[in-house]
Amino acid sequence: MPAVLWDRVRLTCQVLGTTGATTWYKDGRHWWQERRHSFTVTDSGTYMCQKPGSSHSSPVIVSNDSLVLQVPARALLEGDTLTLHCRGWQDNPVTRVRFYKEEKVLGEFFCRTELSLPLL
């Protein structure tokens, strides 16, 4: 699931067989370069890293919104069930959740924060 800042996020850049400084990018711009290959995120944004002789990593989005819609971080295949999860800031209770697709209500719940969509 995508990361939220209030979960205390630590990013690590690992590339097999490479040494040297790690270059970090935030929101598409060169952010800093250093020998450390990991750090604790203190600001929301989109992060990537790169080691000498390698390409950029896949982006990691870290949100700090008070309400987030989380989906699995893995790739989904045809026939998989997609589970959407609505989560409140620092896991505060969320009541009356409404899920939409293209402005059409998919489901409305008073005590549940998940919606499963079968058979993609």
PDB file of N, CA and C in Angstrom:
ATOM      1  N   MET A   1       0.839  -1.170   0.000  1.00  0.00           N
ATOM      2  CA  MET A   1       0.000   0.000   0.000  1.00  0.00           C
ATOM      3  C   MET A   1       0.884   1.232   0.000  1.00  0.00           C
ATOM      4  N   PRO A   2       0.421   2.322  -0.596  1.00  0.00           N
ATOM      5  CA  PRO A   2       1.225   3.546  -0.594  1.00  0.00           C
ATOM      6  C   PRO A   2       1.530   4.004   0.826  1.00  0.00           C
ATOM      7  N   ALA A   3       2.626   4.680   0.989  1.00  0.00           N
ATOM      8  CA  ALA A   3       3.098   5.099   2.302  1.00  0.00           C
ATOM      9  C   ALA A   3       2.438   6.398   2.746  1.00  0.00           C
ATOM     10  N   VAL A   4       2.209   6.515   4.041  1.00  0.00           N
ATOM     11  CA  VAL A   4       1.733   7.760   4.627  1.00  0.00           C
ATOM     12  C   VAL A   4       2.746   8.221   5.661  1.00  0.00           C
ATOM     13  N   LEU A   5       3.015   9.503   5.664  1.00  0.00           N
ATOM     14  CA  LEU A   5       4.058  10.070   6.510  1.00  0.00           C
ATOM     15  C   LEU A   5       3.848   9.735   7.979  1.00  0.00           C
ATOM     16  N   TRP A   6       2.594   9.700   8.411  1.00  0.00           N
ATOM     17  CA  TRP A   6       2.323   9.436   9.821  1.00  0.00           C
ATOM     18  C   TRP A   6       2.543   7.987  10.209  1.00  0.00           C
ATOM     19  N   ASP A   7       2.976   7.125   9.295  1.00  0.00           N
ATOM     20  CA  ASP A   7       3.369   5.754   9.632  1.00  0.00           C
ATOM     21  C   ASP A   7       4.864   5.643   9.931  1.00  0.00           C
ATOM     22  N   ARG A   8       5.594   6.734   9.865  1.00  0.00           N
ATOM     23  CA  ARG A   8       7.048   6.764  10.029  1.00  0.00           C
ATOM     24  C   ARG A   8       7.700   5.901   8.941  1.00  0.00           C
ATOM     25  N   VAL A   9       7.984   6.534   7.834  1.00  0.00           N
ATOM     26  CA  VAL A   9       8.485   5.863   6.637  1.00  0.00           C
ATOM     27  C   VAL A   9      10.005   5.962   6.566  1.00  0.00           C
ATOM     28  N   ARG A  10      10.645   4.820   6.331  1.00  0.00           N
ATOM     29  CA  ARG A  10      12.096   4.775   6.126  1.00  0.00           C
ATOM     30  C   ARG A  10      12.353   4.213   4.742  1.00  0.00           C
ATOM     31  N   LEU A  11      13.087   4.966   3.909  1.00  0.00           N
ATOM     32  CA  LEU A  11      13.412   4.535   2.553  1.00  0.00           C
ATOM     33  C   LEU A  11      14.850   4.037   2.506  1.00  0.00           C
ATOM     34  N   THR A  12      15.064   2.946   1.770  1.00  0.00           N
ATOM     35  CA  THR A  12      16.393   2.360   1.597  1.00  0.00           C
ATOM     36  C   THR A  12      16.624   2.129   0.121  1.00  0.00           C
ATOM     37  N   CYS A  13      17.794   2.527  -0.374  1.00  0.00           N
ATOM     38  CA  CYS A  13      18.163   2.332  -1.774  1.00  0.00           C
ATOM     39  C   CYS A  13      19.168   1.193  -1.851  1.00  0.00           C
ATOM     40  N   GLN A  14      18.773   0.094  -2.487  1.00  0.00           N
ATOM     41  CA  GLN A  14      19.655  -1.061  -2.605  1.00  0.00           C
ATOM     42  C   GLN A  14      19.767  -1.461  -4.069  1.00  0.00           C
ATOM     43  N   VAL A  15      20.987  -1.533  -4.555  1.00  0.00           N
ATOM     44  CA  VAL A  15      21.266  -2.002  -5.907  1.00  0.00           C
ATOM     45  C   VAL A  15      22.405  -3.007  -5.795  1.00  0.00           C
ATOM     46  N   LEU A  16      22.194  -4.205  -6.299  1.00  0.00           N
ATOM     47  CA  LEU A  16      23.221  -5.243  -6.205  1.00  0.00           C
ATOM     48  C   LEU A  16      24.478  -4.861  -6.980  1.00  0.00           C
ATOM     49  N   GLY A  17      25.622  -5.077  -6.366  1.00  0.00           N
ATOM     50  CA  GLY A  17      26.899  -4.912  -7.031  1.00  0.00           C
ATOM     51  C   GLY A  17      27.351  -3.485  -7.261  1.00  0.00           C
ATOM     52  N   THR A  18      26.720  -2.514  -6.617  1.00  0.00           N
ATOM     53  CA  THR A  18      27.160  -1.131  -6.807  1.00  0.00           C
ATOM     54  C   THR A  18      27.634  -0.545  -5.485  1.00  0.00           C
ATOM     55  N   THR A  19      28.582   0.356  -5.594  1.00  0.00           N
ATOM     56  CA  THR A  19      29.079   1.084  -4.425  1.00  0.00           C
ATOM     57  C   THR A  19      29.031   2.565  -4.762  1.00  0.00           C
ATOM     58  N   GLY A  20      29.378   3.366  -3.817  1.00  0.00           N
ATOM     59  CA  GLY A  20      29.393   4.810  -4.059  1.00  0.00           C
ATOM     60  C   GLY A  20      28.180   5.483  -3.442  1.00  0.00           C
ATOM     61  N   ALA A  21      28.143   6.789  -3.622  1.00  0.00           N
ATOM     62  CA  ALA A  21      27.101   7.607  -3.012  1.00  0.00           C
ATOM     63  C   ALA A  21      25.734   7.322  -3.628  1.00  0.00           C
ATOM     64  N   THR A  22      24.722   7.468  -2.818  1.00  0.00           N
ATOM     65  CA  THR A  22      23.343   7.346  -3.276  1.00  0.00           C
ATOM     66  C   THR A  22      22.823   8.739  -3.604  1.00  0.00           C
ATOM     67  N   THR A  23      22.227   8.889  -4.779  1.00  0.00           N
ATOM     68  CA  THR A  23      21.596  10.144  -5.147  1.00  0.00           C
ATOM     69  C   THR A  23      20.097   9.993  -4.934  1.00  0.00           C
ATOM     70  N   TRP A  24      19.521  10.906  -4.167  1.00  0.00           N
ATOM     71  CA  TRP A  24      18.086  10.889  -3.874  1.00  0.00           C
ATOM     72  C   TRP A  24      17.389  11.991  -4.652  1.00  0.00           C
ATOM     73  N   TYR A  25      16.195  11.687  -5.121  1.00  0.00           N
ATOM     74  CA  TYR A  25      15.371  12.644  -5.852  1.00  0.00           C
ATOM     75  C   TYR A  25      14.042  12.783  -5.120  1.00  0.00           C
ATOM     76  N   LYS A  26      13.570  14.017  -5.038  1.00  0.00           N
ATOM     77  CA  LYS A  26      12.265  14.284  -4.431  1.00  0.00           C
ATOM     78  C   LYS A  26      11.460  15.137  -5.391  1.00  0.00           C
ATOM     79  N   ASP A  27      10.256  14.673  -5.710  1.00  0.00           N
ATOM     80  CA  ASP A  27       9.361  15.374  -6.629  1.00  0.00           C
ATOM     81  C   ASP A  27      10.034  15.670  -7.972  1.00  0.00           C
ATOM     82  N   GLY A  28      10.832  14.697  -8.457  1.00  0.00           N
ATOM     83  CA  GLY A  28      11.464  14.794  -9.768  1.00  0.00           C
ATOM     84  C   GLY A  28      12.733  15.623  -9.830  1.00  0.00           C
ATOM     85  N   ARG A  29      13.183  16.153  -8.713  1.00  0.00           N
ATOM     86  CA  ARG A  29      14.386  17.000  -8.694  1.00  0.00           C
ATOM     87  C   ARG A  29      15.472  16.388  -7.820  1.00  0.00           C
ATOM     88  N   HIS A  30      16.730  16.608  -8.227  1.00  0.00           N
ATOM     89  CA  HIS A  30      17.871  16.164  -7.428  1.00  0.00           C
ATOM     90  C   HIS A  30      17.720  16.765  -6.036  1.00  0.00           C
ATOM     91  N   TRP A  31      17.785  15.901  -5.026  1.00  0.00           N
ATOM     92  CA  TRP A  31      17.530  16.357  -3.664  1.00  0.00           C
ATOM     93  C   TRP A  31      18.817  16.389  -2.854  1.00  0.00           C
ATOM     94  N   TRP A  32      19.510  15.254  -2.754  1.00  0.00           N
ATOM     95  CA  TRP A  32      20.818  15.205  -2.102  1.00  0.00           C
ATOM     96  C   TRP A  32      21.538  13.922  -2.443  1.00  0.00           C
ATOM     97  N   GLN A  33      22.841  13.967  -2.195  1.00  0.00           N
ATOM     98  CA  GLN A  33      23.689  12.815  -2.496  1.00  0.00           C
ATOM     99  C   GLN A  33      24.583  12.578  -1.297  1.00  0.00           C
ATOM    100  N   GLU A  34      24.690  11.307  -0.946  1.00  0.00           N
ATOM    101  CA  GLU A  34      25.434  10.988   0.267  1.00  0.00           C
ATOM    102  C   GLU A  34      25.763   9.503   0.288  1.00  0.00           C
ATOM    103  N   ARG A  35      26.668   9.107   1.142  1.00  0.00           N
ATOM    104  CA  ARG A  35      27.047   7.707   1.268  1.00  0.00           C
ATOM    105  C   ARG A  35      25.956   6.871   1.937  1.00  0.00           C
ATOM    106  N   ARG A  36      25.114   7.499   2.757  1.00  0.00           N
ATOM    107  CA  ARG A  36      24.023   6.755   3.396  1.00  0.00           C
ATOM    108  C   ARG A  36      23.046   6.265   2.334  1.00  0.00           C
ATOM    109  N   HIS A  37      22.573   5.049   2.494  1.00  0.00           N
ATOM    110  CA  HIS A  37      21.643   4.499   1.521  1.00  0.00           C
ATOM    111  C   HIS A  37      20.211   4.442   2.046  1.00  0.00           C
ATOM    112  N   SER A  38      19.977   4.976   3.274  1.00  0.00           N
ATOM    113  CA  SER A  38      18.618   4.994   3.805  1.00  0.00           C
ATOM    114  C   SER A  38      18.420   6.214   4.691  1.00  0.00           C
ATOM    115  N   PHE A  39      17.153   6.599   4.861  1.00  0.00           N
ATOM    116  CA  PHE A  39      16.821   7.718   5.728  1.00  0.00           C
ATOM    117  C   PHE A  39      15.337   7.637   6.096  1.00  0.00           C
ATOM    118  N   THR A  40      14.958   8.353   7.151  1.00  0.00           N
ATOM    119  CA  THR A  40      13.565   8.434   7.569  1.00  0.00           C
ATOM    120  C   THR A  40      12.949   9.670   6.923  1.00  0.00           C
ATOM    121  N   VAL A  41      11.839   9.479   6.251  1.00  0.00           N
ATOM    122  CA  VAL A  41      11.170  10.561   5.532  1.00  0.00           C
ATOM    123  C   VAL A  41      10.503  11.505   6.529  1.00  0.00           C
ATOM    124  N   THR A  42      10.682  12.827   6.323  1.00  0.00           N
ATOM    125  CA  THR A  42      10.076  13.827   7.192  1.00  0.00           C
ATOM    126  C   THR A  42       9.156  14.774   6.431  1.00  0.00           C
ATOM    127  N   ASP A  43       8.984  14.538   5.126  1.00  0.00           N
ATOM    128  CA  ASP A  43       8.160  15.418   4.307  1.00  0.00           C
ATOM    129  C   ASP A  43       7.449  14.592   3.238  1.00  0.00           C
ATOM    130  N   SER A  44       6.215  14.919   2.933  1.00  0.00           N
ATOM    131  CA  SER A  44       5.501  14.198   1.883  1.00  0.00           C
ATOM    132  C   SER A  44       6.102  14.521   0.521  1.00  0.00           C
ATOM    133  N   GLY A  45       5.902  13.632  -0.441  1.00  0.00           N
ATOM    134  CA  GLY A  45       6.413  13.837  -1.793  1.00  0.00           C
ATOM    135  C   GLY A  45       6.623  12.515  -2.499  1.00  0.00           C
ATOM    136  N   THR A  46       7.217  12.602  -3.693  1.00  0.00           N
ATOM    137  CA  THR A  46       7.539  11.423  -4.492  1.00  0.00           C
ATOM    138  C   THR A  46       9.049  11.260  -4.484  1.00  0.00           C
ATOM    139  N   TYR A  47       9.534  10.122  -4.014  1.00  0.00           N
ATOM    140  CA  TYR A  47      10.962   9.875  -3.824  1.00  0.00           C
ATOM    141  C   TYR A  47      11.474   8.794  -4.774  1.00  0.00           C
ATOM    142  N   MET A  48      12.716   8.987  -5.252  1.00  0.00           N
ATOM    143  CA  MET A  48      13.430   7.977  -6.033  1.00  0.00           C
ATOM    144  C   MET A  48      14.896   8.040  -5.623  1.00  0.00           C
ATOM    145  N   CYS A  49      15.625   6.964  -5.922  1.00  0.00           N
ATOM    146  CA  CYS A  49      17.060   6.966  -5.656  1.00  0.00           C
ATOM    147  C   CYS A  49      17.798   6.407  -6.862  1.00  0.00           C
ATOM    148  N   GLN A  50      19.119   6.595  -6.847  1.00  0.00           N
ATOM    149  CA  GLN A  50      19.964   6.091  -7.920  1.00  0.00           C
ATOM    150  C   GLN A  50      21.364   5.868  -7.368  1.00  0.00           C
ATOM    151  N   LYS A  51      21.968   4.770  -7.786  1.00  0.00           N
ATOM    152  CA  LYS A  51      23.358   4.461  -7.446  1.00  0.00           C
ATOM    153  C   LYS A  51      24.190   4.585  -8.713  1.00  0.00           C
ATOM    154  N   PRO A  52      25.502   4.804  -8.591  1.00  0.00           N
ATOM    155  CA  PRO A  52      26.348   4.899  -9.779  1.00  0.00           C
ATOM    156  C   PRO A  52      26.191   3.677 -10.686  1.00  0.00           C
ATOM    157  N   GLY A  53      26.004   3.898 -11.969  1.00  0.00           N
ATOM    158  CA  GLY A  53      25.892   2.817 -12.939  1.00  0.00           C
ATOM    159  C   GLY A  53      24.525   2.160 -12.998  1.00  0.00           C
ATOM    160  N   SER A  54      23.541   2.709 -12.297  1.00  0.00           N
ATOM    161  CA  SER A  54      22.197   2.126 -12.321  1.00  0.00           C
ATOM    162  C   SER A  54      21.184   3.188 -12.755  1.00  0.00           C
ATOM    163  N   SER A  55      19.997   2.731 -13.084  1.00  0.00           N
ATOM    164  CA  SER A  55      18.930   3.666 -13.427  1.00  0.00           C
ATOM    165  C   SER A  55      18.197   4.084 -12.154  1.00  0.00           C
ATOM    166  N   HIS A  56      17.294   5.047 -12.294  1.00  0.00           N
ATOM    167  CA  HIS A  56      16.498   5.487 -11.144  1.00  0.00           C
ATOM    168  C   HIS A  56      15.633   4.341 -10.627  1.00  0.00           C
ATOM    169  N   SER A  57      15.371   4.370  -9.342  1.00  0.00           N
ATOM    170  CA  SER A  57      14.453   3.397  -8.744  1.00  0.00           C
ATOM    171  C   SER A  57      13.019   3.740  -9.156  1.00  0.00           C
ATOM    172  N   SER A  58      12.116   2.845  -8.865  1.00  0.00           N
ATOM    173  CA  SER A  58      10.696   3.152  -9.028  1.00  0.00           C
ATOM    174  C   SER A  58      10.328   4.213  -7.994  1.00  0.00           C
ATOM    175  N   PRO A  59       9.384   5.079  -8.320  1.00  0.00           N
ATOM    176  CA  PRO A  59       9.009   6.128  -7.362  1.00  0.00           C
ATOM    177  C   PRO A  59       8.215   5.575  -6.183  1.00  0.00           C
ATOM    178  N   VAL A  60       8.413   6.200  -5.033  1.00  0.00           N
ATOM    179  CA  VAL A  60       7.638   5.908  -3.831  1.00  0.00           C
ATOM    180  C   VAL A  60       6.934   7.199  -3.434  1.00  0.00           C
ATOM    181  N   ILE A  61       5.608   7.149  -3.361  1.00  0.00           N
ATOM    182  CA  ILE A  61       4.834   8.327  -2.993  1.00  0.00           C
ATOM    183  C   ILE A  61       4.535   8.251  -1.497  1.00  0.00           C
ATOM    184  N   VAL A  62       4.876   9.336  -0.792  1.00  0.00           N
ATOM    185  CA  VAL A  62       4.605   9.429   0.635  1.00  0.00           C
ATOM    186  C   VAL A  62       3.614  10.577   0.825  1.00  0.00           C
ATOM    187  N   SER A  63       2.446  10.239   1.355  1.00  0.00           N
ATOM    188  CA  SER A  63       1.369  11.212   1.526  1.00  0.00           C
ATOM    189  C   SER A  63       1.274  11.664   2.976  1.00  0.00           C
ATOM    190  N   ASN A  64       0.762  12.874   3.187  1.00  0.00           N
ATOM    191  CA  ASN A  64       0.499  13.358   4.534  1.00  0.00           C
ATOM    192  C   ASN A  64      -0.935  13.868   4.638  1.00  0.00           C
ATOM    193  N   ASP A  65      -1.807  13.356   3.781  1.00  0.00           N
ATOM    194  CA  ASP A  65      -3.202  13.773   3.797  1.00  0.00           C
ATOM    195  C   ASP A  65      -3.911  13.201   5.019  1.00  0.00           C
ATOM    196  N   SER A  66      -4.997  13.847   5.434  1.00  0.00           N
ATOM    197  CA  SER A  66      -5.729  13.381   6.602  1.00  0.00           C
ATOM    198  C   SER A  66      -6.602  12.172   6.296  1.00  0.00           C
ATOM    199  N   LEU A  67      -6.856  11.926   5.017  1.00  0.00           N
ATOM    200  CA  LEU A  67      -7.631  10.768   4.593  1.00  0.00           C
ATOM    201  C   LEU A  67      -6.973  10.226   3.327  1.00  0.00           C
ATOM    202  N   VAL A  68      -6.655   8.942   3.310  1.00  0.00           N
ATOM    203  CA  VAL A  68      -5.983   8.357   2.146  1.00  0.00           C
ATOM    204  C   VAL A  68      -6.719   7.112   1.668  1.00  0.00           C
ATOM    205  N   LEU A  69      -6.670   6.900   0.374  1.00  0.00           N
ATOM    206  CA  LEU A  69      -7.198   5.686  -0.238  1.00  0.00           C
ATOM    207  C   LEU A  69      -6.001   4.816  -0.552  1.00  0.00           C
ATOM    208  N   GLN A  70      -5.935   3.659   0.056  1.00  0.00           N
ATOM    209  CA  GLN A  70      -4.799   2.773  -0.139  1.00  0.00           C
ATOM    210  C   GLN A  70      -5.220   1.557  -0.957  1.00  0.00           C
ATOM    211  N   VAL A  71      -4.308   1.144  -1.841  1.00  0.00           N
ATOM    212  CA  VAL A  71      -4.495  -0.034  -2.681  1.00  0.00           C
ATOM    213  C   VAL A  71      -3.231  -0.869  -2.564  1.00  0.00           C
ATOM    214  N   PRO A  72      -3.271  -2.149  -2.950  1.00  0.00           N
ATOM    215  CA  PRO A  72      -2.062  -2.971  -2.864  1.00  0.00           C
ATOM    216  C   PRO A  72      -0.926  -2.377  -3.710  1.00  0.00           C
ATOM    217  N   ALA A  73       0.291  -2.510  -3.216  1.00  0.00           N
ATOM    218  CA  ALA A  73       1.458  -2.004  -3.934  1.00  0.00           C
ATOM    219  C   ALA A  73       1.894  -2.957  -5.045  1.00  0.00           C
ATOM    220  N   ARG A  74       1.403  -4.173  -5.031  1.00  0.00           N
ATOM    221  CA  ARG A  74       1.810  -5.159  -6.041  1.00  0.00           C
ATOM    222  C   ARG A  74       0.968  -5.020  -7.304  1.00  0.00           C
ATOM    223  N   ALA A  75       1.475  -5.566  -8.386  1.00  0.00           N
ATOM    224  CA  ALA A  75       0.729  -5.575  -9.641  1.00  0.00           C
ATOM    225  C   ALA A  75      -0.460  -6.521  -9.531  1.00  0.00           C
ATOM    226  N   LEU A  76      -1.567  -6.132 -10.114  1.00  0.00           N
ATOM    227  CA  LEU A  76      -2.754  -6.979 -10.122  1.00  0.00           C
ATOM    228  C   LEU A  76      -2.899  -7.635 -11.486  1.00  0.00           C
ATOM    229  N   LEU A  77      -3.360  -8.865 -11.488  1.00  0.00           N
ATOM    230  CA  LEU A  77      -3.538  -9.622 -12.723  1.00  0.00           C
ATOM    231  C   LEU A  77      -5.016  -9.842 -12.986  1.00  0.00           C
ATOM    232  N   GLU A  78      -5.338 -10.142 -14.222  1.00  0.00           N
ATOM    233  CA  GLU A  78      -6.722 -10.416 -14.576  1.00  0.00           C
ATOM    234  C   GLU A  78      -7.266 -11.524 -13.679  1.00  0.00           C
ATOM    235  N   GLY A  79      -8.449 -11.305 -13.132  1.00  0.00           N
ATOM    236  CA  GLY A  79      -9.047 -12.273 -12.219  1.00  0.00           C
ATOM    237  C   GLY A  79      -8.794 -11.976 -10.753  1.00  0.00           C
ATOM    238  N   ASP A  80      -7.836 -11.078 -10.460  1.00  0.00           N
ATOM    239  CA  ASP A  80      -7.552 -10.711  -9.072  1.00  0.00           C
ATOM    240  C   ASP A  80      -8.665  -9.843  -8.503  1.00  0.00           C
ATOM    241  N   THR A  81      -8.813  -9.882  -7.202  1.00  0.00           N
ATOM    242  CA  THR A  81      -9.732  -8.991  -6.495  1.00  0.00           C
ATOM    243  C   THR A  81      -8.952  -7.768  -6.041  1.00  0.00           C
ATOM    244  N   LEU A  82      -9.496  -6.596  -6.291  1.00  0.00           N
ATOM    245  CA  LEU A  82      -8.889  -5.341  -5.852  1.00  0.00           C
ATOM    246  C   LEU A  82      -9.582  -4.898  -4.572  1.00  0.00           C
ATOM    247  N   THR A  83      -8.806  -4.676  -3.513  1.00  0.00           N
ATOM    248  CA  THR A  83      -9.369  -4.192  -2.258  1.00  0.00           C
ATOM    249  C   THR A  83      -8.905  -2.763  -2.027  1.00  0.00           C
ATOM    250  N   LEU A  84      -9.873  -1.853  -1.920  1.00  0.00           N
ATOM    251  CA  LEU A  84      -9.615  -0.450  -1.609  1.00  0.00           C
ATOM    252  C   LEU A  84      -9.790  -0.254  -0.111  1.00  0.00           C
ATOM    253  N   HIS A  85      -8.907   0.532   0.489  1.00  0.00           N
ATOM    254  CA  HIS A  85      -8.947   0.754   1.937  1.00  0.00           C
ATOM    255  C   HIS A  85      -8.888   2.252   2.201  1.00  0.00           C
ATOM    256  N   CYS A  86      -9.884   2.780   2.879  1.00  0.00           N
ATOM    257  CA  CYS A  86      -9.915   4.193   3.257  1.00  0.00           C
ATOM    258  C   CYS A  86      -9.372   4.308   4.678  1.00  0.00           C
ATOM    259  N   ARG A  87      -8.367   5.157   4.849  1.00  0.00           N
ATOM    260  CA  ARG A  87      -7.676   5.215   6.134  1.00  0.00           C
ATOM    261  C   ARG A  87      -7.568   6.655   6.628  1.00  0.00           C
ATOM    262  N   GLY A  88      -7.894   6.869   7.882  1.00  0.00           N
ATOM    263  CA  GLY A  88      -7.820   8.197   8.486  1.00  0.00           C
ATOM    264  C   GLY A  88      -6.463   8.472   9.098  1.00  0.00           C
ATOM    265  N   TRP A  89      -6.139   9.753   9.222  1.00  0.00           N
ATOM    266  CA  TRP A  89      -4.867  10.216   9.763  1.00  0.00           C
ATOM    267  C   TRP A  89      -4.569   9.536  11.089  1.00  0.00           C
ATOM    268  N   GLN A  90      -3.388   8.985  11.194  1.00  0.00           N
ATOM    269  CA  GLN A  90      -2.899   8.268  12.377  1.00  0.00           C
ATOM    270  C   GLN A  90      -3.906   7.236  12.869  1.00  0.00           C
ATOM    271  N   ASP A  91      -4.591   6.605  11.894  1.00  0.00           N
ATOM    272  CA  ASP A  91      -5.570   5.555  12.173  1.00  0.00           C
ATOM    273  C   ASP A  91      -6.742   6.014  13.040  1.00  0.00           C
ATOM    274  N   ASN A  92      -7.070   7.314  12.974  1.00  0.00           N
ATOM    275  CA  ASN A  92      -8.288   7.787  13.628  1.00  0.00           C
ATOM    276  C   ASN A  92      -9.480   7.096  12.986  1.00  0.00           C
ATOM    277  N   PRO A  93     -10.526   6.851  13.745  1.00  0.00           N
ATOM    278  CA  PRO A  93     -11.689   6.152  13.192  1.00  0.00           C
ATOM    279  C   PRO A  93     -12.288   6.902  11.999  1.00  0.00           C
ATOM    280  N   VAL A  94     -12.660   6.147  10.994  1.00  0.00           N
ATOM    281  CA  VAL A  94     -13.311   6.698   9.814  1.00  0.00           C
ATOM    282  C   VAL A  94     -14.717   6.113   9.769  1.00  0.00           C
ATOM    283  N   THR A  95     -15.707   6.982   9.676  1.00  0.00           N
ATOM    284  CA  THR A  95     -17.094   6.521   9.579  1.00  0.00           C
ATOM    285  C   THR A  95     -17.712   7.086   8.315  1.00  0.00           C
ATOM    286  N   ARG A  96     -18.692   6.400   7.826  1.00  0.00           N
ATOM    287  CA  ARG A  96     -19.416   6.775   6.607  1.00  0.00           C
ATOM    288  C   ARG A  96     -18.459   7.003   5.442  1.00  0.00           C
ATOM    289  N   VAL A  97     -18.038   5.918   4.876  1.00  0.00           N
ATOM    290  CA  VAL A  97     -17.113   5.934   3.741  1.00  0.00           C
ATOM    291  C   VAL A  97     -17.897   5.689   2.461  1.00  0.00           C
ATOM    292  N   ARG A  98     -17.604   6.485   1.443  1.00  0.00           N
ATOM    293  CA  ARG A  98     -18.223   6.335   0.132  1.00  0.00           C
ATOM    294  C   ARG A  98     -17.117   6.168  -0.905  1.00  0.00           C
ATOM    295  N   PHE A  99     -17.165   5.090  -1.674  1.00  0.00           N
ATOM    296  CA  PHE A  99     -16.193   4.826  -2.736  1.00  0.00           C
ATOM    297  C   PHE A  99     -16.820   5.182  -4.081  1.00  0.00           C
ATOM    298  N   TYR A 100     -16.026   5.849  -4.941  1.00  0.00           N
ATOM    299  CA  TYR A 100     -16.509   6.288  -6.243  1.00  0.00           C
ATOM    300  C   TYR A 100     -15.635   5.740  -7.366  1.00  0.00           C
ATOM    301  N   LYS A 101     -16.236   5.564  -8.519  1.00  0.00           N
ATOM    302  CA  LYS A 101     -15.501   5.310  -9.752  1.00  0.00           C
ATOM    303  C   LYS A 101     -16.157   6.167 -10.820  1.00  0.00           C
ATOM    304  N   GLU A 102     -15.356   7.079 -11.385  1.00  0.00           N
ATOM    305  CA  GLU A 102     -15.843   8.003 -12.415  1.00  0.00           C
ATOM    306  C   GLU A 102     -17.134   8.682 -11.966  1.00  0.00           C
ATOM    307  N   GLU A 103     -17.115   9.214 -10.750  1.00  0.00           N
ATOM    308  CA  GLU A 103     -18.197   9.983 -10.142  1.00  0.00           C
ATOM    309  C   GLU A 103     -19.462   9.170  -9.841  1.00  0.00           C
ATOM    310  N   LYS A 104     -19.398   7.859  -9.986  1.00  0.00           N
ATOM    311  CA  LYS A 104     -20.523   6.993  -9.657  1.00  0.00           C
ATOM    312  C   LYS A 104     -20.195   6.262  -8.354  1.00  0.00           C
ATOM    313  N   VAL A 105     -21.136   6.253  -7.404  1.00  0.00           N
ATOM    314  CA  VAL A 105     -20.920   5.603  -6.105  1.00  0.00           C
ATOM    315  C   VAL A 105     -20.852   4.094  -6.299  1.00  0.00           C
ATOM    316  N   LEU A 106     -19.754   3.505  -5.829  1.00  0.00           N
ATOM    317  CA  LEU A 106     -19.583   2.049  -5.869  1.00  0.00           C
ATOM    318  C   LEU A 106     -20.111   1.398  -4.608  1.00  0.00           C
ATOM    319  N   GLY A 107     -20.045   2.109  -3.512  1.00  0.00           N
ATOM    320  CA  GLY A 107     -20.489   1.573  -2.239  1.00  0.00           C
ATOM    321  C   GLY A 107     -20.414   2.625  -1.158  1.00  0.00           C
ATOM    322  N   GLU A 108     -21.306   2.521  -0.185  1.00  0.00           N
ATOM    323  CA  GLU A 108     -21.306   3.428   0.957  1.00  0.00           C
ATOM    324  C   GLU A 108     -21.431   2.594   2.221  1.00  0.00           C
ATOM    325  N   PHE A 109     -20.539   2.860   3.189  1.00  0.00           N
ATOM    326  CA  PHE A 109     -20.481   2.049   4.394  1.00  0.00           C
ATOM    327  C   PHE A 109     -20.428   2.946   5.626  1.00  0.00           C
ATOM    328  N   PHE A 110     -21.052   2.495   6.713  1.00  0.00           N
ATOM    329  CA  PHE A 110     -21.041   3.258   7.951  1.00  0.00           C
ATOM    330  C   PHE A 110     -20.037   2.723   8.958  1.00  0.00           C
ATOM    331  N   CYS A 111     -19.674   1.474   8.854  1.00  0.00           N
ATOM    332  CA  CYS A 111     -18.738   0.883   9.811  1.00  0.00           C
ATOM    333  C   CYS A 111     -17.550   0.208   9.142  1.00  0.00           C
ATOM    334  N   ARG A 112     -17.546   0.105   7.831  1.00  0.00           N
ATOM    335  CA  ARG A 112     -16.449  -0.557   7.114  1.00  0.00           C
ATOM    336  C   ARG A 112     -15.623   0.482   6.360  1.00  0.00           C
ATOM    337  N   THR A 113     -14.347   0.187   6.208  1.00  0.00           N
ATOM    338  CA  THR A 113     -13.471   1.113   5.476  1.00  0.00           C
ATOM    339  C   THR A 113     -12.836   0.448   4.263  1.00  0.00           C
ATOM    340  N   GLU A 114     -13.303  -0.751   3.901  1.00  0.00           N
ATOM    341  CA  GLU A 114     -12.749  -1.464   2.750  1.00  0.00           C
ATOM    342  C   GLU A 114     -13.847  -1.807   1.752  1.00  0.00           C
ATOM    343  N   LEU A 115     -13.439  -1.809   0.489  1.00  0.00           N
ATOM    344  CA  LEU A 115     -14.334  -2.243  -0.590  1.00  0.00           C
ATOM    345  C   LEU A 115     -13.533  -3.187  -1.467  1.00  0.00           C
ATOM    346  N   SER A 116     -14.059  -4.394  -1.682  1.00  0.00           N
ATOM    347  CA  SER A 116     -13.399  -5.367  -2.550  1.00  0.00           C
ATOM    348  C   SER A 116     -14.127  -5.417  -3.882  1.00  0.00           C
ATOM    349  N   LEU A 117     -13.358  -5.314  -4.950  1.00  0.00           N
ATOM    350  CA  LEU A 117     -13.886  -5.373  -6.312  1.00  0.00           C
ATOM    351  C   LEU A 117     -13.353  -6.638  -6.956  1.00  0.00           C
ATOM    352  N   PRO A 118     -14.182  -7.670  -7.129  1.00  0.00           N
ATOM    353  CA  PRO A 118     -13.704  -8.949  -7.671  1.00  0.00           C
ATOM    354  C   PRO A 118     -13.505  -8.905  -9.175  1.00  0.00           C
ATOM    355  N   LEU A 119     -12.715  -9.880  -9.636  1.00  0.00           N
ATOM    356  CA  LEU A 119     -12.539 -10.164 -11.055  1.00  0.00           C
ATOM    357  C   LEU A 119     -12.202  -8.957 -11.908  1.00  0.00           C
ATOM    358  N   LEU A 120     -10.996  -8.501 -11.774  1.00  0.00           N
ATOM    359  CA  LEU A 120     -10.529  -7.394 -12.612  1.00  0.00           C
ATOM    360  C   LEU A 120     -10.448  -7.817 -14.057  1.00  0.00           C
TER     361      LEU A 120
END
